[in-house]
């Protein structure tokens, strides 16, 4: 009965997340305006789904995210770089003399739009489970502090990058040194706050925050990396930079947009995660729970037989 209830809960949650992804992809709800950029939040339901539904359903949710991206890029107003996520746009905008070349364009654009998004639903689950095991070991303090230091550095760097971008665009009147100091202060404050949660409140906080960052960076790194690998020259032309300068531009996107989205993801995943975790523990889905129960049952029967 408990297994059936768990499966029903997961089915309902999966349907809910699918609906949320579709709505967010179809409306401005999928983006948070941050003065100088719009940070996407479409990856967040996928990350949360991965943690509470397992990597298979998480991958499915990621696939839904990828398909919405592909469809929106194909049906929406065509931009100069629409071919990156749309096979339709790729066929209409890029040269292809043979059937093989056309098929290759379709595969490239489909890969960029879908595969990284599928992995958003897989990577955070294993990151969360791995961290739970690490902080449950004898070296809990060491592992926890190292992970916390990495998270705090990312947060501090993200704040610095955000203010630095506003300074460069003359939106904010302050020096780069002040922005750097603010970033350092935020990083130190984040380390102290997370360490407090980790040591005194709930060690799961570290898992949720890290999973949020991992999911967001999986999206950014794989999407931008795939664009560079598959469409270096046409993408450089579309965004108006020299091909040799494209790597630096992509690095800027990763270090700014990617880090900001990772911070937003970490905060929201943590806040939603601690609530859902009270209903159903993260990292344990129906299939895994059934396996654990079966192993436990076999162990008890073996002990009784002895």
C-alpha atoms as a PDB file:
ATOM      1  CA  UNK A   1       0.000   0.000   0.000  1.00  0.00           C
ATOM      2  CA  UNK A   2       2.792   2.400   0.925  1.00  0.00           C
ATOM      3  CA  UNK A   3       4.580   1.614  -2.360  1.00  0.00           C
ATOM      4  CA  UNK A   4       1.393   2.328  -4.355  1.00  0.00           C
ATOM      5  CA  UNK A   5       0.893   5.609  -2.498  1.00  0.00           C
ATOM      6  CA  UNK A   6       4.490   6.565  -3.245  1.00  0.00           C
ATOM      7  CA  UNK A   7       4.049   5.792  -6.946  1.00  0.00           C
ATOM      8  CA  UNK A   8       0.825   7.803  -7.067  1.00  0.00           C
ATOM      9  CA  UNK A   9       2.545  10.722  -5.320  1.00  0.00           C
ATOM     10  CA  UNK A  10       5.401  10.609  -7.825  1.00  0.00           C
ATOM     11  CA  UNK A  11       2.998  10.400 -10.778  1.00  0.00           C
ATOM     12  CA  UNK A  12       1.101  13.466  -9.549  1.00  0.00           C
ATOM     13  CA  UNK A  13       4.351  15.332  -8.855  1.00  0.00           C
ATOM     14  CA  UNK A  14       5.685  14.443 -12.315  1.00  0.00           C
ATOM     15  CA  UNK A  15       2.519  15.750 -13.987  1.00  0.00           C
ATOM     16  CA  UNK A  16       2.715  18.914 -11.880  1.00  0.00           C
ATOM     17  CA  UNK A  17       6.332  19.556 -12.846  1.00  0.00           C
ATOM     18  CA  UNK A  18       5.556  18.953 -16.538  1.00  0.00           C
ATOM     19  CA  UNK A  19       2.751  21.522 -16.338  1.00  0.00           C
ATOM     20  CA  UNK A  20       5.032  24.007 -14.555  1.00  0.00           C
ATOM     21  CA  UNK A  21       7.769  23.589 -17.189  1.00  0.00           C
ATOM     22  CA  UNK A  22       5.341  24.081 -20.081  1.00  0.00           C
ATOM     23  CA  UNK A  23       3.775  27.175 -18.478  1.00  0.00           C
ATOM     24  CA  UNK A  24       7.170  28.678 -17.627  1.00  0.00           C
ATOM     25  CA  UNK A  25       8.460  28.018 -21.150  1.00  0.00           C
ATOM     26  CA  UNK A  26       5.388  29.673 -22.681  1.00  0.00           C
ATOM     27  CA  UNK A  27       5.373  32.790 -20.494  1.00  0.00           C
ATOM     28  CA  UNK A  28       7.837  35.294 -18.971  1.00  0.00           C
ATOM     29  CA  UNK A  29       7.660  33.236 -15.749  1.00  0.00           C
ATOM     30  CA  UNK A  30      10.635  31.272 -17.047  1.00  0.00           C
ATOM     31  CA  UNK A  31      12.901  34.267 -16.617  1.00  0.00           C
ATOM     32  CA  UNK A  32      13.853  36.544 -13.719  1.00  0.00           C
ATOM     33  CA  UNK A  33      14.902  40.090 -14.740  1.00  0.00           C
ATOM     34  CA  UNK A  34      18.119  41.067 -12.939  1.00  0.00           C
ATOM     35  CA  UNK A  35      18.717  44.612 -14.276  1.00  0.00           C
ATOM     36  CA  UNK A  36      21.371  43.592 -16.790  1.00  0.00           C
ATOM     37  CA  UNK A  37      20.242  40.051 -17.704  1.00  0.00           C
ATOM     38  CA  UNK A  38      17.270  37.720 -17.607  1.00  0.00           C
ATOM     39  CA  UNK A  39      18.205  34.626 -15.583  1.00  0.00           C
ATOM     40  CA  UNK A  40      16.360  31.509 -16.736  1.00  0.00           C
ATOM     41  CA  UNK A  41      14.560  29.451 -14.095  1.00  0.00           C
ATOM     42  CA  UNK A  42      13.322  26.680 -16.390  1.00  0.00           C
ATOM     43  CA  UNK A  43      15.936  24.277 -15.078  1.00  0.00           C
ATOM     44  CA  UNK A  44      14.701  24.539 -11.473  1.00  0.00           C
ATOM     45  CA  UNK A  45      11.595  22.262 -11.725  1.00  0.00           C
ATOM     46  CA  UNK A  46      13.809  19.696 -13.467  1.00  0.00           C
ATOM     47  CA  UNK A  47      16.397  19.781 -10.661  1.00  0.00           C
ATOM     48  CA  UNK A  48      13.752  19.458  -7.948  1.00  0.00           C
ATOM     49  CA  UNK A  49      12.101  16.642  -9.889  1.00  0.00           C
ATOM     50  CA  UNK A  50      15.443  14.851 -10.108  1.00  0.00           C
ATOM     51  CA  UNK A  51      15.914  15.008  -6.328  1.00  0.00           C
ATOM     52  CA  UNK A  52      12.435  13.782  -5.386  1.00  0.00           C
ATOM     53  CA  UNK A  53      11.526  11.538  -8.331  1.00  0.00           C
ATOM     54  CA  UNK A  54      14.874   9.975  -9.197  1.00  0.00           C
ATOM     55  CA  UNK A  55      17.147  10.253 -12.249  1.00  0.00           C
ATOM     56  CA  UNK A  56      14.775   8.523 -14.700  1.00  0.00           C
ATOM     57  CA  UNK A  57      11.804  10.809 -14.112  1.00  0.00           C
ATOM     58  CA  UNK A  58      14.214  13.718 -13.703  1.00  0.00           C
ATOM     59  CA  UNK A  59      15.661  12.920 -17.125  1.00  0.00           C
ATOM     60  CA  UNK A  60      12.121  12.782 -18.524  1.00  0.00           C
ATOM     61  CA  UNK A  61      11.377  16.243 -17.106  1.00  0.00           C
ATOM     62  CA  UNK A  62      14.633  17.486 -18.603  1.00  0.00           C
ATOM     63  CA  UNK A  63      13.520  16.079 -21.948  1.00  0.00           C
ATOM     64  CA  UNK A  64      10.262  18.033 -21.658  1.00  0.00           C
ATOM     65  CA  UNK A  65      12.287  21.190 -20.970  1.00  0.00           C
ATOM     66  CA  UNK A  66      14.437  20.471 -24.029  1.00  0.00           C
ATOM     67  CA  UNK A  67      11.437  19.870 -26.285  1.00  0.00           C
ATOM     68  CA  UNK A  68       9.780  23.119 -25.174  1.00  0.00           C
ATOM     69  CA  UNK A  69      13.019  24.925 -26.005  1.00  0.00           C
ATOM     70  CA  UNK A  70      13.182  23.255 -29.420  1.00  0.00           C
ATOM     71  CA  UNK A  71       9.529  23.979 -30.227  1.00  0.00           C
ATOM     72  CA  UNK A  72       9.686  27.586 -29.010  1.00  0.00           C
ATOM     73  CA  UNK A  73      12.826  28.246 -31.083  1.00  0.00           C
ATOM     74  CA  UNK A  74      11.162  26.694 -34.138  1.00  0.00           C
ATOM     75  CA  UNK A  75       7.806  28.477 -33.861  1.00  0.00           C
ATOM     76  CA  UNK A  76       8.798  31.779 -32.272  1.00  0.00           C
ATOM     77  CA  UNK A  77      10.234  34.890 -33.864  1.00  0.00           C
ATOM     78  CA  UNK A  78      13.423  33.868 -35.655  1.00  0.00           C
ATOM     79  CA  UNK A  79      16.628  35.285 -34.201  1.00  0.00           C
ATOM     80  CA  UNK A  80      20.049  35.193 -35.831  1.00  0.00           C
ATOM     81  CA  UNK A  81      21.054  32.299 -33.554  1.00  0.00           C
ATOM     82  CA  UNK A  82      17.750  30.354 -33.602  1.00  0.00           C
ATOM     83  CA  UNK A  83      19.471  27.507 -35.478  1.00  0.00           C
ATOM     84  CA  UNK A  84      21.285  26.539 -32.277  1.00  0.00           C
ATOM     85  CA  UNK A  85      18.131  25.091 -30.667  1.00  0.00           C
ATOM     86  CA  UNK A  86      15.909  24.561 -33.710  1.00  0.00           C
ATOM     87  CA  UNK A  87      16.449  21.932 -36.434  1.00  0.00           C
ATOM     88  CA  UNK A  88      13.885  23.803 -38.543  1.00  0.00           C
ATOM     89  CA  UNK A  89      15.817  27.059 -38.254  1.00  0.00           C
ATOM     90  CA  UNK A  90      19.103  25.241 -38.873  1.00  0.00           C
ATOM     91  CA  UNK A  91      17.803  23.838 -42.172  1.00  0.00           C
ATOM     92  CA  UNK A  92      16.489  27.221 -43.291  1.00  0.00           C
ATOM     93  CA  UNK A  93      19.425  29.354 -42.127  1.00  0.00           C
ATOM     94  CA  UNK A  94      22.521  27.206 -42.683  1.00  0.00           C
ATOM     95  CA  UNK A  95      23.871  25.741 -45.955  1.00  0.00           C
ATOM     96  CA  UNK A  96      23.508  21.996 -46.625  1.00  0.00           C
ATOM     97  CA  UNK A  97      24.198  20.502 -50.042  1.00  0.00           C
ATOM     98  CA  UNK A  98      23.409  16.870 -49.267  1.00  0.00           C
ATOM     99  CA  UNK A  99      20.864  14.834 -47.326  1.00  0.00           C
ATOM    100  CA  UNK A 100      23.642  13.785 -44.963  1.00  0.00           C
ATOM    101  CA  UNK A 101      24.525  17.407 -44.217  1.00  0.00           C
ATOM    102  CA  UNK A 102      20.858  18.201 -43.559  1.00  0.00           C
ATOM    103  CA  UNK A 103      20.504  15.247 -41.188  1.00  0.00           C
ATOM    104  CA  UNK A 104      23.668  16.334 -39.379  1.00  0.00           C
ATOM    105  CA  UNK A 105      22.234  19.826 -38.828  1.00  0.00           C
ATOM    106  CA  UNK A 106      19.031  18.330 -37.419  1.00  0.00           C
ATOM    107  CA  UNK A 107      20.994  16.078 -35.061  1.00  0.00           C
ATOM    108  CA  UNK A 108      23.260  18.899 -33.869  1.00  0.00           C
ATOM    109  CA  UNK A 109      20.445  21.317 -33.038  1.00  0.00           C
ATOM    110  CA  UNK A 110      18.325  18.597 -31.442  1.00  0.00           C
ATOM    111  CA  UNK A 111      21.290  17.503 -29.317  1.00  0.00           C
ATOM    112  CA  UNK A 112      21.940  21.044 -28.045  1.00  0.00           C
ATOM    113  CA  UNK A 113      18.261  21.644 -27.274  1.00  0.00           C
ATOM    114  CA  UNK A 114      17.492  18.315 -25.601  1.00  0.00           C
ATOM    115  CA  UNK A 115      20.477  16.313 -24.306  1.00  0.00           C
ATOM    116  CA  UNK A 116      21.952  18.886 -21.855  1.00  0.00           C
ATOM    117  CA  UNK A 117      18.439  19.419 -20.459  1.00  0.00           C
ATOM    118  CA  UNK A 118      17.963  15.674 -19.934  1.00  0.00           C
ATOM    119  CA  UNK A 119      21.189  15.626 -17.928  1.00  0.00           C
ATOM    120  CA  UNK A 120      19.867  18.468 -15.733  1.00  0.00           C
ATOM    121  CA  UNK A 121      17.429  15.847 -14.448  1.00  0.00           C
ATOM    122  CA  UNK A 122      20.133  13.252 -13.838  1.00  0.00           C
ATOM    123  CA  UNK A 123      23.256  14.976 -12.484  1.00  0.00           C
ATOM    124  CA  UNK A 124      21.693  16.734  -9.427  1.00  0.00           C
ATOM    125  CA  UNK A 125      20.287  13.450  -8.075  1.00  0.00           C
ATOM    126  CA  UNK A 126      23.695  11.765  -7.985  1.00  0.00           C
ATOM    127  CA  UNK A 127      25.355  14.922  -6.643  1.00  0.00           C
ATOM    128  CA  UNK A 128      22.814  15.035  -3.796  1.00  0.00           C
ATOM    129  CA  UNK A 129      23.178  11.317  -2.995  1.00  0.00           C
ATOM    130  CA  UNK A 130      26.976  11.582  -3.152  1.00  0.00           C
ATOM    131  CA  UNK A 131      27.021  14.525  -0.750  1.00  0.00           C
ATOM    132  CA  UNK A 132      24.682  12.719   1.651  1.00  0.00           C
ATOM    133  CA  UNK A 133      27.115   9.802   1.735  1.00  0.00           C
ATOM    134  CA  UNK A 134      30.110  12.113   2.157  1.00  0.00           C
ATOM    135  CA  UNK A 135      28.640  14.044   5.073  1.00  0.00           C
ATOM    136  CA  UNK A 136      27.466  10.807   6.629  1.00  0.00           C
ATOM    137  CA  UNK A 137      31.019   9.448   6.779  1.00  0.00           C
ATOM    138  CA  UNK A 138      33.675   9.844   9.461  1.00  0.00           C
ATOM    139  CA  UNK A 139      35.151  12.795   7.532  1.00  0.00           C
ATOM    140  CA  UNK A 140      31.895  14.746   7.586  1.00  0.00           C
ATOM    141  CA  UNK A 141      33.512  17.986   8.769  1.00  0.00           C
ATOM    142  CA  UNK A 142      36.237  17.906   6.114  1.00  0.00           C
ATOM    143  CA  UNK A 143      33.948  17.042   3.185  1.00  0.00           C
ATOM    144  CA  UNK A 144      31.265  19.474   4.316  1.00  0.00           C
ATOM    145  CA  UNK A 145      33.668  22.382   4.726  1.00  0.00           C
ATOM    146  CA  UNK A 146      35.353  21.778   1.350  1.00  0.00           C
ATOM    147  CA  UNK A 147      32.001  21.625  -0.466  1.00  0.00           C
ATOM    148  CA  UNK A 148      30.833  24.698   1.430  1.00  0.00           C
ATOM    149  CA  UNK A 149      33.981  26.597   0.432  1.00  0.00           C
ATOM    150  CA  UNK A 150      33.366  25.839  -3.260  1.00  0.00           C
ATOM    151  CA  UNK A 151      29.717  26.924  -2.998  1.00  0.00           C
ATOM    152  CA  UNK A 152      30.639  30.130  -1.164  1.00  0.00           C
ATOM    153  CA  UNK A 153      33.281  30.984  -3.776  1.00  0.00           C
ATOM    154  CA  UNK A 154      30.709  30.553  -6.558  1.00  0.00           C
ATOM    155  CA  UNK A 155      28.212  32.750  -4.704  1.00  0.00           C
ATOM    156  CA  UNK A 156      30.783  35.464  -4.003  1.00  0.00           C
ATOM    157  CA  UNK A 157      32.088  35.389  -7.573  1.00  0.00           C
ATOM    158  CA  UNK A 158      28.537  35.574  -8.916  1.00  0.00           C
ATOM    159  CA  UNK A 159      27.781  38.698  -6.884  1.00  0.00           C
ATOM    160  CA  UNK A 160      31.046  40.300  -8.042  1.00  0.00           C
ATOM    161  CA  UNK A 161      30.299  39.413 -11.689  1.00  0.00           C
ATOM    162  CA  UNK A 162      26.791  40.840 -11.366  1.00  0.00           C
ATOM    163  CA  UNK A 163      27.976  44.202  -9.990  1.00  0.00           C
ATOM    164  CA  UNK A 164      30.904  44.264 -12.417  1.00  0.00           C
ATOM    165  CA  UNK A 165      28.515  43.887 -15.365  1.00  0.00           C
ATOM    166  CA  UNK A 166      26.345  46.738 -14.057  1.00  0.00           C
ATOM    167  CA  UNK A 167      29.470  48.902 -13.675  1.00  0.00           C
ATOM    168  CA  UNK A 168      30.572  48.091 -17.244  1.00  0.00           C
ATOM    169  CA  UNK A 169      27.137  49.048 -18.588  1.00  0.00           C
ATOM    170  CA  UNK A 170      27.120  52.217 -16.441  1.00  0.00           C
ATOM    171  CA  UNK A 171      23.981  51.102 -14.628  1.00  0.00           C
ATOM    172  CA  UNK A 172      25.686  51.407 -11.247  1.00  0.00           C
ATOM    173  CA  UNK A 173      28.198  53.991 -10.128  1.00  0.00           C
ATOM    174  CA  UNK A 174      30.835  52.191  -8.074  1.00  0.00           C
ATOM    175  CA  UNK A 175      34.395  51.020  -8.564  1.00  0.00           C
ATOM    176  CA  UNK A 176      35.417  47.479  -9.444  1.00  0.00           C
ATOM    177  CA  UNK A 177      37.293  47.340  -6.122  1.00  0.00           C
ATOM    178  CA  UNK A 178      34.069  47.974  -4.203  1.00  0.00           C
ATOM    179  CA  UNK A 179      32.323  45.275  -6.253  1.00  0.00           C
ATOM    180  CA  UNK A 180      35.149  42.873  -5.438  1.00  0.00           C
ATOM    181  CA  UNK A 181      34.903  43.667  -1.710  1.00  0.00           C
ATOM    182  CA  UNK A 182      31.138  43.095  -1.779  1.00  0.00           C
ATOM    183  CA  UNK A 183      31.701  39.743  -3.489  1.00  0.00           C
ATOM    184  CA  UNK A 184      34.220  38.705  -0.826  1.00  0.00           C
ATOM    185  CA  UNK A 185      31.868  39.746   1.989  1.00  0.00           C
ATOM    186  CA  UNK A 186      28.990  37.802   0.429  1.00  0.00           C
ATOM    187  CA  UNK A 187      31.229  34.742  -0.006  1.00  0.00           C
ATOM    188  CA  UNK A 188      32.338  34.838   3.638  1.00  0.00           C
ATOM    189  CA  UNK A 189      28.774  35.406   4.860  1.00  0.00           C
ATOM    190  CA  UNK A 190      27.530  32.528   2.703  1.00  0.00           C
ATOM    191  CA  UNK A 191      30.230  30.217   4.076  1.00  0.00           C
ATOM    192  CA  UNK A 192      29.312  31.120   7.664  1.00  0.00           C
ATOM    193  CA  UNK A 193      25.580  30.728   7.030  1.00  0.00           C
ATOM    194  CA  UNK A 194      25.832  27.394   5.222  1.00  0.00           C
ATOM    195  CA  UNK A 195      28.309  26.088   7.801  1.00  0.00           C
ATOM    196  CA  UNK A 196      25.840  26.989  10.551  1.00  0.00           C
ATOM    197  CA  UNK A 197      23.014  25.152   8.780  1.00  0.00           C
ATOM    198  CA  UNK A 198      25.303  22.209   8.114  1.00  0.00           C
ATOM    199  CA  UNK A 199      26.613  21.915  11.670  1.00  0.00           C
ATOM    200  CA  UNK A 200      23.607  22.918  13.761  1.00  0.00           C
ATOM    201  CA  UNK A 201      20.436  22.605  11.744  1.00  0.00           C
ATOM    202  CA  UNK A 202      20.175  20.311   8.750  1.00  0.00           C
ATOM    203  CA  UNK A 203      23.043  18.749   6.826  1.00  0.00           C
ATOM    204  CA  UNK A 204      20.646  18.269   3.886  1.00  0.00           C
ATOM    205  CA  UNK A 205      20.890  22.008   3.235  1.00  0.00           C
ATOM    206  CA  UNK A 206      24.339  21.465   1.751  1.00  0.00           C
ATOM    207  CA  UNK A 207      22.972  18.764  -0.542  1.00  0.00           C
ATOM    208  CA  UNK A 208      20.096  20.887  -1.845  1.00  0.00           C
ATOM    209  CA  UNK A 209      22.285  23.934  -2.466  1.00  0.00           C
ATOM    210  CA  UNK A 210      24.989  21.938  -4.241  1.00  0.00           C
ATOM    211  CA  UNK A 211      22.443  20.036  -6.341  1.00  0.00           C
ATOM    212  CA  UNK A 212      20.906  23.350  -7.432  1.00  0.00           C
ATOM    213  CA  UNK A 213      24.294  24.671  -8.503  1.00  0.00           C
ATOM    214  CA  UNK A 214      25.237  21.396 -10.230  1.00  0.00           C
ATOM    215  CA  UNK A 215      22.014  21.314 -12.242  1.00  0.00           C
ATOM    216  CA  UNK A 216      22.308  24.923 -13.380  1.00  0.00           C
ATOM    217  CA  UNK A 217      25.973  24.583 -14.351  1.00  0.00           C
ATOM    218  CA  UNK A 218      25.255  21.299 -16.171  1.00  0.00           C
ATOM    219  CA  UNK A 219      22.844  23.227 -18.376  1.00  0.00           C
ATOM    220  CA  UNK A 220      25.152  26.186 -18.988  1.00  0.00           C
ATOM    221  CA  UNK A 221      28.370  24.228 -19.552  1.00  0.00           C
ATOM    222  CA  UNK A 222      26.872  21.594 -21.854  1.00  0.00           C
ATOM    223  CA  UNK A 223      24.752  23.997 -23.902  1.00  0.00           C
ATOM    224  CA  UNK A 224      27.522  26.553 -24.442  1.00  0.00           C
ATOM    225  CA  UNK A 225      30.132  23.830 -24.919  1.00  0.00           C
ATOM    226  CA  UNK A 226      27.972  22.097 -27.539  1.00  0.00           C
ATOM    227  CA  UNK A 227      27.377  25.379 -29.363  1.00  0.00           C
ATOM    228  CA  UNK A 228      31.132  25.919 -29.575  1.00  0.00           C
ATOM    229  CA  UNK A 229      31.779  22.342 -30.713  1.00  0.00           C
ATOM    230  CA  UNK A 230      28.980  22.127 -33.306  1.00  0.00           C
ATOM    231  CA  UNK A 231      28.385  25.690 -34.515  1.00  0.00           C
ATOM    232  CA  UNK A 232      31.534  27.676 -33.814  1.00  0.00           C
ATOM    233  CA  UNK A 233      31.651  29.680 -37.048  1.00  0.00           C
ATOM    234  CA  UNK A 234      27.937  30.276 -37.752  1.00  0.00           C
ATOM    235  CA  UNK A 235      27.289  31.164 -34.099  1.00  0.00           C
ATOM    236  CA  UNK A 236      30.235  33.585 -34.025  1.00  0.00           C
ATOM    237  CA  UNK A 237      28.811  35.282 -37.120  1.00  0.00           C
ATOM    238  CA  UNK A 238      25.317  35.372 -35.580  1.00  0.00           C
ATOM    239  CA  UNK A 239      26.471  37.101 -32.376  1.00  0.00           C
ATOM    240  CA  UNK A 240      28.894  39.396 -34.184  1.00  0.00           C
ATOM    241  CA  UNK A 241      32.269  38.226 -32.865  1.00  0.00           C
ATOM    242  CA  UNK A 242      35.351  36.775 -34.503  1.00  0.00           C
ATOM    243  CA  UNK A 243      35.543  32.951 -34.338  1.00  0.00           C
ATOM    244  CA  UNK A 244      38.825  33.192 -32.417  1.00  0.00           C
ATOM    245  CA  UNK A 245      37.094  35.367 -29.798  1.00  0.00           C
ATOM    246  CA  UNK A 246      34.096  33.067 -29.397  1.00  0.00           C
ATOM    247  CA  UNK A 247      35.679  31.004 -26.619  1.00  0.00           C
ATOM    248  CA  UNK A 248      36.253  34.148 -24.548  1.00  0.00           C
ATOM    249  CA  UNK A 249      32.651  35.242 -25.135  1.00  0.00           C
ATOM    250  CA  UNK A 250      31.330  31.835 -24.089  1.00  0.00           C
ATOM    251  CA  UNK A 251      33.568  31.969 -21.021  1.00  0.00           C
ATOM    252  CA  UNK A 252      31.950  35.290 -20.143  1.00  0.00           C
ATOM    253  CA  UNK A 253      28.470  33.794 -20.488  1.00  0.00           C
ATOM    254  CA  UNK A 254      29.420  30.866 -18.260  1.00  0.00           C
ATOM    255  CA  UNK A 255      31.099  33.018 -15.606  1.00  0.00           C
ATOM    256  CA  UNK A 256      28.265  35.561 -15.477  1.00  0.00           C
ATOM    257  CA  UNK A 257      24.916  34.192 -16.656  1.00  0.00           C
ATOM    258  CA  UNK A 258      25.799  30.656 -15.590  1.00  0.00           C
ATOM    259  CA  UNK A 259      26.885  31.657 -12.094  1.00  0.00           C
ATOM    260  CA  UNK A 260      23.869  33.945 -11.560  1.00  0.00           C
ATOM    261  CA  UNK A 261      21.500  31.164 -12.670  1.00  0.00           C
ATOM    262  CA  UNK A 262      23.346  28.729 -10.391  1.00  0.00           C
ATOM    263  CA  UNK A 263      22.826  31.066  -7.427  1.00  0.00           C
ATOM    264  CA  UNK A 264      19.123  31.503  -8.225  1.00  0.00           C
ATOM    265  CA  UNK A 265      18.801  27.729  -8.669  1.00  0.00           C
ATOM    266  CA  UNK A 266      20.587  26.968  -5.396  1.00  0.00           C
ATOM    267  CA  UNK A 267      18.355  29.307  -3.382  1.00  0.00           C
ATOM    268  CA  UNK A 268      15.049  28.119  -4.875  1.00  0.00           C
ATOM    269  CA  UNK A 269      15.978  24.413  -4.814  1.00  0.00           C
ATOM    270  CA  UNK A 270      16.930  24.750  -1.141  1.00  0.00           C
ATOM    271  CA  UNK A 271      13.737  26.594  -0.175  1.00  0.00           C
ATOM    272  CA  UNK A 272      11.449  24.192  -2.050  1.00  0.00           C
ATOM    273  CA  UNK A 273      13.532  21.148  -1.137  1.00  0.00           C
ATOM    274  CA  UNK A 274      13.319  21.581   2.631  1.00  0.00           C
ATOM    275  CA  UNK A 275       9.515  21.803   2.332  1.00  0.00           C
ATOM    276  CA  UNK A 276       9.053  18.773   0.056  1.00  0.00           C
ATOM    277  CA  UNK A 277      11.572  16.786   2.106  1.00  0.00           C
ATOM    278  CA  UNK A 278       9.152  16.865   5.045  1.00  0.00           C
ATOM    279  CA  UNK A 279       6.560  15.107   2.879  1.00  0.00           C
ATOM    280  CA  UNK A 280       8.904  12.683   1.132  1.00  0.00           C
ATOM    281  CA  UNK A 281      12.683  12.439   1.639  1.00  0.00           C
ATOM    282  CA  UNK A 282      14.845  13.601  -1.247  1.00  0.00           C
ATOM    283  CA  UNK A 283      17.048  10.998  -2.899  1.00  0.00           C
ATOM    284  CA  UNK A 284      14.556   8.164  -2.327  1.00  0.00           C
ATOM    285  CA  UNK A 285      12.085   7.445  -5.121  1.00  0.00           C
ATOM    286  CA  UNK A 286       9.549   4.608  -5.498  1.00  0.00           C
ATOM    287  CA  UNK A 287      11.788   2.202  -7.403  1.00  0.00           C
ATOM    288  CA  UNK A 288      14.750   2.740  -5.093  1.00  0.00           C
ATOM    289  CA  UNK A 289      12.559   2.428  -1.988  1.00  0.00           C
ATOM    290  CA  UNK A 290      11.229  -0.909  -3.254  1.00  0.00           C
ATOM    291  CA  UNK A 291      14.776  -2.201  -3.818  1.00  0.00           C
ATOM    292  CA  UNK A 292      15.846  -1.108  -0.334  1.00  0.00           C
ATOM    293  CA  UNK A 293      12.793  -2.822   1.151  1.00  0.00           C
ATOM    294  CA  UNK A 294      13.522  -6.032  -0.784  1.00  0.00           C
ATOM    295  CA  UNK A 295      17.166  -6.097   0.326  1.00  0.00           C
ATOM    296  CA  UNK A 296      16.144  -5.461   3.938  1.00  0.00           C
ATOM    297  CA  UNK A 297      13.557  -8.239   3.761  1.00  0.00           C
ATOM    298  CA  UNK A 298      16.061 -10.713   2.281  1.00  0.00           C
ATOM    299  CA  UNK A 299      18.577  -9.837   4.998  1.00  0.00           C
ATOM    300  CA  UNK A 300      16.038 -10.443   7.761  1.00  0.00           C
ATOM    301  CA  UNK A 301      14.988 -13.795   6.250  1.00  0.00           C
ATOM    302  CA  UNK A 302      18.628 -14.837   5.976  1.00  0.00           C
ATOM    303  CA  UNK A 303      19.268 -13.933   9.609  1.00  0.00           C
ATOM    304  CA  UNK A 304      16.173 -15.863  10.747  1.00  0.00           C
ATOM    305  CA  UNK A 305      17.252 -18.916   8.753  1.00  0.00           C
ATOM    306  CA  UNK A 306      20.617 -18.897  10.482  1.00  0.00           C
END
